[in-house]
Amino acid sequence: MTPSTGSTPWPVVESTQVTAPPVSPLPGEAWIVPSGATGAWAGHSNEIAAWQAGAWMFHDPAEGWQVFDRASGTLLVFAGTDWVA
């Protein structure tokens, strides 16, 4: 999945609660990295981690970005410092 030019570059993330990078992510899958993340995600809290071209790409969200959290079934908005429902 690639970013769009609008305010919602990743319309769906897999989860906001997974603290370790998945072993076999599919191309384009994305997660919001929670506090306390480990491995390749360490130090990337609140960023969107997307598996692209065989590597993790990290994206700092801008205020107002919206994503749907597939695991919780919740629409989230980045409020500048945190993701809120």
C-alpha atoms as a PDB file:
ATOM      1  CA  MET A   1       0.000   0.000   0.000  1.00  0.00           C
ATOM      2  CA  THR A   2       1.404   3.389  -0.864  1.00  0.00           C
ATOM      3  CA  PRO A   3       0.522   6.747   0.604  1.00  0.00           C
ATOM      4  CA  SER A   4      -2.127   8.790  -1.137  1.00  0.00           C
ATOM      5  CA  THR A   5      -2.091  12.541  -1.536  1.00  0.00           C
ATOM      6  CA  GLY A   6      -5.075  12.892   0.803  1.00  0.00           C
ATOM      7  CA  SER A   7      -5.252  12.904   4.577  1.00  0.00           C
ATOM      8  CA  THR A   8      -5.576   9.110   4.921  1.00  0.00           C
ATOM      9  CA  PRO A   9      -2.445   7.418   3.607  1.00  0.00           C
ATOM     10  CA  TRP A  10      -3.210   4.038   5.227  1.00  0.00           C
ATOM     11  CA  PRO A  11      -6.935   3.520   5.479  1.00  0.00           C
ATOM     12  CA  VAL A  12      -6.448   0.265   7.435  1.00  0.00           C
ATOM     13  CA  VAL A  13      -3.894  -0.832  10.024  1.00  0.00           C
ATOM     14  CA  GLU A  14      -3.834  -4.363  11.346  1.00  0.00           C
ATOM     15  CA  SER A  15      -3.530  -3.408  15.026  1.00  0.00           C
ATOM     16  CA  THR A  16      -2.271  -0.862  17.536  1.00  0.00           C
ATOM     17  CA  GLN A  17      -1.391  -3.439  20.217  1.00  0.00           C
ATOM     18  CA  VAL A  18       1.272  -5.621  18.591  1.00  0.00           C
ATOM     19  CA  THR A  19       4.635  -4.818  20.187  1.00  0.00           C
ATOM     20  CA  ALA A  20       6.888  -7.041  18.063  1.00  0.00           C
ATOM     21  CA  PRO A  21       7.084  -6.928  14.266  1.00  0.00           C
ATOM     22  CA  PRO A  22       5.203  -9.829  12.665  1.00  0.00           C
ATOM     23  CA  VAL A  23       7.426 -12.610  11.342  1.00  0.00           C
ATOM     24  CA  SER A  24       5.715 -12.909   7.933  1.00  0.00           C
ATOM     25  CA  PRO A  25       3.883  -9.675   7.087  1.00  0.00           C
ATOM     26  CA  LEU A  26       2.238  -9.336   3.707  1.00  0.00           C
ATOM     27  CA  PRO A  27       3.298  -6.519   1.388  1.00  0.00           C
ATOM     28  CA  GLY A  28       1.373  -3.358   2.224  1.00  0.00           C
ATOM     29  CA  GLU A  29       0.256  -4.418   5.689  1.00  0.00           C
ATOM     30  CA  ALA A  30       0.651  -1.688   8.287  1.00  0.00           C
ATOM     31  CA  TRP A  31       0.516  -1.345  12.085  1.00  0.00           C
ATOM     32  CA  ILE A  32       0.567   1.574  14.503  1.00  0.00           C
ATOM     33  CA  VAL A  33       3.598   0.976  16.692  1.00  0.00           C
ATOM     34  CA  PRO A  34       2.679   1.033  20.415  1.00  0.00           C
ATOM     35  CA  SER A  35       4.893   2.169  23.285  1.00  0.00           C
ATOM     36  CA  GLY A  36       7.283  -0.550  24.377  1.00  0.00           C
ATOM     37  CA  ALA A  37       7.689  -2.027  20.902  1.00  0.00           C
ATOM     38  CA  THR A  38      10.671  -4.304  20.326  1.00  0.00           C
ATOM     39  CA  GLY A  39      12.923  -5.397  17.495  1.00  0.00           C
ATOM     40  CA  ALA A  40      12.812  -3.317  14.323  1.00  0.00           C
ATOM     41  CA  TRP A  41       9.918  -1.305  15.782  1.00  0.00           C
ATOM     42  CA  ALA A  42      11.790  -0.127  18.901  1.00  0.00           C
ATOM     43  CA  GLY A  43      11.866   3.662  19.132  1.00  0.00           C
ATOM     44  CA  HIS A  44       9.017   4.165  16.646  1.00  0.00           C
ATOM     45  CA  SER A  45       6.036   4.680  19.009  1.00  0.00           C
ATOM     46  CA  ASN A  46       2.906   6.111  17.351  1.00  0.00           C
ATOM     47  CA  GLU A  47       4.453   5.802  13.886  1.00  0.00           C
ATOM     48  CA  ILE A  48       2.904   3.691  11.160  1.00  0.00           C
ATOM     49  CA  ALA A  49       5.080   0.685  10.353  1.00  0.00           C
ATOM     50  CA  ALA A  50       4.361  -0.575   6.852  1.00  0.00           C
ATOM     51  CA  TRP A  51       5.935  -3.633   5.231  1.00  0.00           C
ATOM     52  CA  GLN A  52       7.027  -2.454   1.794  1.00  0.00           C
ATOM     53  CA  ALA A  53       9.514  -3.956  -0.664  1.00  0.00           C
ATOM     54  CA  GLY A  54      10.692  -6.488   1.933  1.00  0.00           C
ATOM     55  CA  ALA A  55      11.498  -3.957   4.665  1.00  0.00           C
ATOM     56  CA  TRP A  56       9.816  -1.943   7.398  1.00  0.00           C
ATOM     57  CA  MET A  57       9.093   1.654   6.427  1.00  0.00           C
ATOM     58  CA  PHE A  58       8.170   4.046   9.238  1.00  0.00           C
ATOM     59  CA  HIS A  59       5.963   7.071   8.754  1.00  0.00           C
ATOM     60  CA  ASP A  60       5.410   9.880  11.248  1.00  0.00           C
ATOM     61  CA  PRO A  61       1.693  10.640  11.234  1.00  0.00           C
ATOM     62  CA  ALA A  62       0.450  14.169  10.702  1.00  0.00           C
ATOM     63  CA  GLU A  63      -2.337  15.608  12.826  1.00  0.00           C
ATOM     64  CA  GLY A  64      -5.681  14.592  11.359  1.00  0.00           C
ATOM     65  CA  TRP A  65      -4.571  11.338   9.713  1.00  0.00           C
ATOM     66  CA  GLN A  66      -7.274   8.694  10.035  1.00  0.00           C
ATOM     67  CA  VAL A  67      -6.976   4.919   9.967  1.00  0.00           C
ATOM     68  CA  PHE A  68      -9.266   2.002  10.668  1.00  0.00           C
ATOM     69  CA  ASP A  69      -7.837  -0.413  13.249  1.00  0.00           C
ATOM     70  CA  ARG A  70      -8.874  -3.827  11.934  1.00  0.00           C
ATOM     71  CA  ALA A  71      -8.213  -5.622  15.255  1.00  0.00           C
ATOM     72  CA  SER A  72     -10.453  -3.377  17.355  1.00  0.00           C
ATOM     73  CA  GLY A  73     -12.900  -2.309  14.646  1.00  0.00           C
ATOM     74  CA  THR A  74     -12.236   1.346  15.534  1.00  0.00           C
ATOM     75  CA  LEU A  75     -11.620   4.462  13.473  1.00  0.00           C
ATOM     76  CA  LEU A  76      -8.588   6.303  14.885  1.00  0.00           C
ATOM     77  CA  VAL A  77      -7.446   9.879  14.331  1.00  0.00           C
ATOM     78  CA  PHE A  78      -3.953  11.180  15.073  1.00  0.00           C
ATOM     79  CA  ALA A  79      -4.443  14.144  17.423  1.00  0.00           C
ATOM     80  CA  GLY A  80      -0.898  15.458  17.232  1.00  0.00           C
ATOM     81  CA  THR A  81       0.624  13.351  19.992  1.00  0.00           C
ATOM     82  CA  ASP A  82      -1.497  10.178  20.115  1.00  0.00           C
ATOM     83  CA  TRP A  83      -4.055   8.128  18.175  1.00  0.00           C
ATOM     84  CA  VAL A  84      -7.596   8.600  19.529  1.00  0.00           C
ATOM     85  CA  ALA A  85     -10.913   6.911  18.775  1.00  0.00           C
END
